[in-house]
Protein backbone atom coordinates (compact mmCIF):
# COMPACT_ATOMS: atom_id res chain seq x y z
CA UNK A 1 9.42 4.28 -1.26
CA UNK A 2 10.97 1.16 -0.06
CA UNK A 3 12.76 -1.14 -2.48
CA UNK A 4 10.37 -3.93 -1.18
CA UNK A 5 7.25 -2.17 -2.45
CA UNK A 6 8.65 -1.20 -5.35
CA UNK A 7 10.14 -4.64 -6.00
CA UNK A 8 6.13 -5.63 -5.50
CA UNK A 9 4.78 -3.63 -7.85
CA UNK A 10 7.27 -3.89 -10.56
CA UNK A 11 6.67 -8.16 -9.64
CA UNK A 12 2.91 -7.37 -10.30
CA UNK A 13 3.52 -5.60 -13.66
CA UNK A 14 5.73 -8.51 -14.88
CA UNK A 15 3.40 -11.30 -13.53
CA UNK A 16 0.42 -9.38 -15.00
CA UNK A 17 1.83 -10.14 -18.58
CA UNK A 18 1.45 -13.71 -18.30
CA UNK A 19 -2.28 -13.06 -16.93
CA UNK A 20 -2.63 -10.84 -20.06
CA UNK A 21 -1.66 -13.29 -22.41
CA UNK A 22 -3.96 -16.01 -20.78
CA UNK A 23 -6.90 -13.52 -20.92
CA UNK A 24 -6.25 -12.53 -24.68
CA UNK A 25 -6.74 -16.25 -25.92
CA UNK A 26 -10.22 -16.17 -24.74
CA UNK A 27 -12.27 -13.99 -26.86
CA UNK A 28 -14.74 -12.99 -24.39
CA UNK A 29 -11.86 -11.49 -22.34
CA UNK A 30 -9.56 -9.97 -24.77
CA UNK A 31 -10.98 -6.17 -23.76
CA UNK A 32 -10.56 -6.67 -20.32
CA UNK A 33 -6.73 -8.22 -21.31
CA UNK A 34 -5.96 -4.88 -22.74
CA UNK A 35 -7.43 -2.58 -19.87
CA UNK A 36 -5.87 -4.60 -17.25
CA UNK A 37 -2.17 -4.41 -19.18
CA UNK A 38 -2.84 -0.46 -19.31
CA UNK A 39 -3.99 0.00 -15.73
CA UNK A 40 -1.09 -2.21 -14.50
CA UNK A 41 1.57 -0.33 -16.47
CA UNK A 42 -0.14 2.86 -15.31
CA UNK A 43 0.87 2.20 -11.63
CA UNK A 44 4.23 1.91 -12.55
CA UNK A 45 4.72 5.06 -14.85
CA UNK A 46 2.61 6.90 -12.57
CA UNK A 47 4.92 6.21 -9.59
CA UNK A 48 7.94 6.93 -11.56
CA UNK A 49 6.54 9.93 -12.99
CA UNK A 50 5.76 11.31 -9.37
CA UNK A 51 8.91 10.10 -8.17
CA UNK A 52 11.20 12.62 -10.35
CA UNK A 53 8.59 15.39 -9.43
CA UNK A 54 10.14 18.35 -7.45
CA UNK A 55 7.23 19.46 -5.26
CA UNK A 56 5.26 17.27 -3.17
CA UNK A 57 2.04 18.33 -4.58
CA UNK A 58 3.22 17.57 -7.93
CA UNK A 59 4.06 14.22 -6.76
CA UNK A 60 1.41 13.31 -4.58
CA UNK A 61 -0.78 13.87 -7.90
CA UNK A 62 0.81 11.21 -9.66
CA UNK A 63 0.84 8.83 -6.52
CA UNK A 64 -3.10 9.69 -6.94
CA UNK A 65 -3.17 8.54 -10.23
CA UNK A 66 -1.38 5.26 -9.67
CA UNK A 67 -3.63 4.64 -6.79
CA UNK A 68 -6.81 4.77 -9.11
CA UNK A 69 -5.06 2.71 -11.48
CA UNK A 70 -4.12 -0.13 -8.76
CA UNK A 71 -8.33 0.29 -7.98
CA UNK A 72 -8.63 -0.37 -11.53
CA UNK A 73 -6.58 -3.05 -11.64
CA UNK A 74 -8.23 -5.26 -8.76
CA UNK A 75 -11.39 -4.83 -10.63
CA UNK A 76 -9.99 -6.03 -13.78
CA UNK A 77 -8.64 -9.12 -11.96
CA UNK A 78 -11.72 -9.78 -10.10
CA UNK A 79 -13.72 -9.77 -13.53
CA UNK A 80 -11.08 -12.25 -15.25
CA UNK A 81 -11.69 -14.46 -12.29
CA UNK A 82 -13.23 -17.26 -14.20
CA UNK A 83 -10.79 -17.68 -16.89
CA UNK A 84 -7.58 -17.07 -14.48
CA UNK A 85 -8.98 -19.24 -11.25
CA UNK A 86 -9.72 -18.33 -8.24
CA UNK A 87 -6.33 -19.24 -6.68
CA UNK A 88 -4.08 -16.82 -8.96
CA UNK A 89 -6.93 -14.15 -8.84
CA UNK A 90 -6.93 -13.99 -5.01
CA UNK A 91 -2.96 -13.87 -5.23
CA UNK A 92 -3.35 -10.72 -7.73
CA UNK A 93 -5.77 -9.35 -5.44
CA UNK A 94 -3.76 -9.36 -2.15
CA UNK A 95 -0.58 -8.33 -4.00
CA UNK A 96 -2.93 -5.07 -5.13
CA UNK A 97 -4.43 -4.33 -2.17
CA UNK A 98 -0.76 -4.55 -0.70
CA UNK A 99 0.16 -1.88 -3.42
CA UNK A 100 -3.27 0.16 -2.70
CA UNK A 101 -2.52 0.41 0.88
CA UNK A 102 1.18 1.57 0.10
CA UNK A 103 -0.06 4.28 -2.03
CA UNK A 104 -2.82 5.62 0.53
CA UNK A 105 0.31 5.84 3.30
CA UNK A 106 2.26 7.67 0.50
CA UNK A 107 -0.04 10.18 -0.98
CA UNK A 108 -0.51 11.71 2.97
CA UNK A 109 3.03 12.22 3.31
CA UNK A 110 3.25 14.49 0.06
CA UNK A 111 -0.33 16.22 0.09
CA UNK A 112 -0.64 16.26 4.11
CA UNK A 113 -4.02 15.04 4.37
CA UNK A 114 -5.53 11.60 4.70
CA UNK A 115 -6.75 8.87 2.48
CA UNK A 116 -8.64 5.69 2.93
CA UNK A 117 -9.11 2.33 1.66
CA UNK A 118 -13.07 1.59 1.60
CA UNK A 119 -13.67 -2.07 2.86
CA UNK A 120 -14.61 -4.04 -0.41
CA UNK A 121 -14.98 -7.97 -0.63
CA UNK A 122 -13.34 -9.12 -3.41
CA UNK A 123 -12.77 -12.67 -1.78
CA UNK A 124 -9.08 -12.07 -1.37
CA UNK A 125 -8.72 -14.90 0.97
CA UNK A 126 -9.25 -18.46 -0.11
CA UNK A 127 -11.46 -19.30 2.90
CA UNK A 128 -13.73 -16.03 2.58
CA UNK A 129 -16.16 -17.18 0.16
CA UNK A 130 -16.29 -19.83 -2.77
CA UNK A 131 -17.34 -18.62 -6.26
CA UNK A 132 -20.70 -20.20 -5.68
CA UNK A 133 -21.49 -17.67 -2.86
CA UNK A 134 -20.11 -14.71 -4.40
CA UNK A 135 -22.59 -15.75 -7.37
CA UNK A 136 -25.24 -15.82 -4.89
CA UNK A 137 -24.08 -12.46 -3.39
CA UNK A 138 -24.45 -10.89 -6.99
CA UNK A 139 -27.53 -12.68 -7.86
CA UNK A 140 -26.70 -14.34 -10.64
CA UNK A 141 -29.41 -16.87 -12.41
CA UNK A 142 -28.70 -20.10 -11.80
CA UNK A 143 -29.38 -21.67 -15.23
CA UNK A 144 -26.72 -19.73 -16.98
CA UNK A 145 -23.75 -22.12 -17.62
CA UNK A 146 -20.32 -20.96 -16.17
CA UNK A 147 -16.79 -22.41 -17.79
């Protein structure tokens, strides 16, 4: 693993602390904050655990756990977008997507088979979709006030 890639993961976990702190201040997102904190920490923990394993098969297993945690974290960030804001959420989703792509490359190196990322639209580019467009895609009722 390249130092730059590991730095990206450590950076995300570090700034995730601030995001979790912001999410815990709103009662509606306290449990989400806990899950996000755990899943971000799990990315680092599983990569470290896998890196210390002696066989390719063991390394691949822990890198796959890290991949699952990265995908989980992306989902939690997406759910917290109304508290965290669109720009911050978009940035975190982009970082997580980079980490996911890195892990998708690392696992086959260890396991000897190809993994892939399904194309999911999390609105990670500011010009892709507005929150209103995303709400319309999800079919949310118009008469519910949002923060």
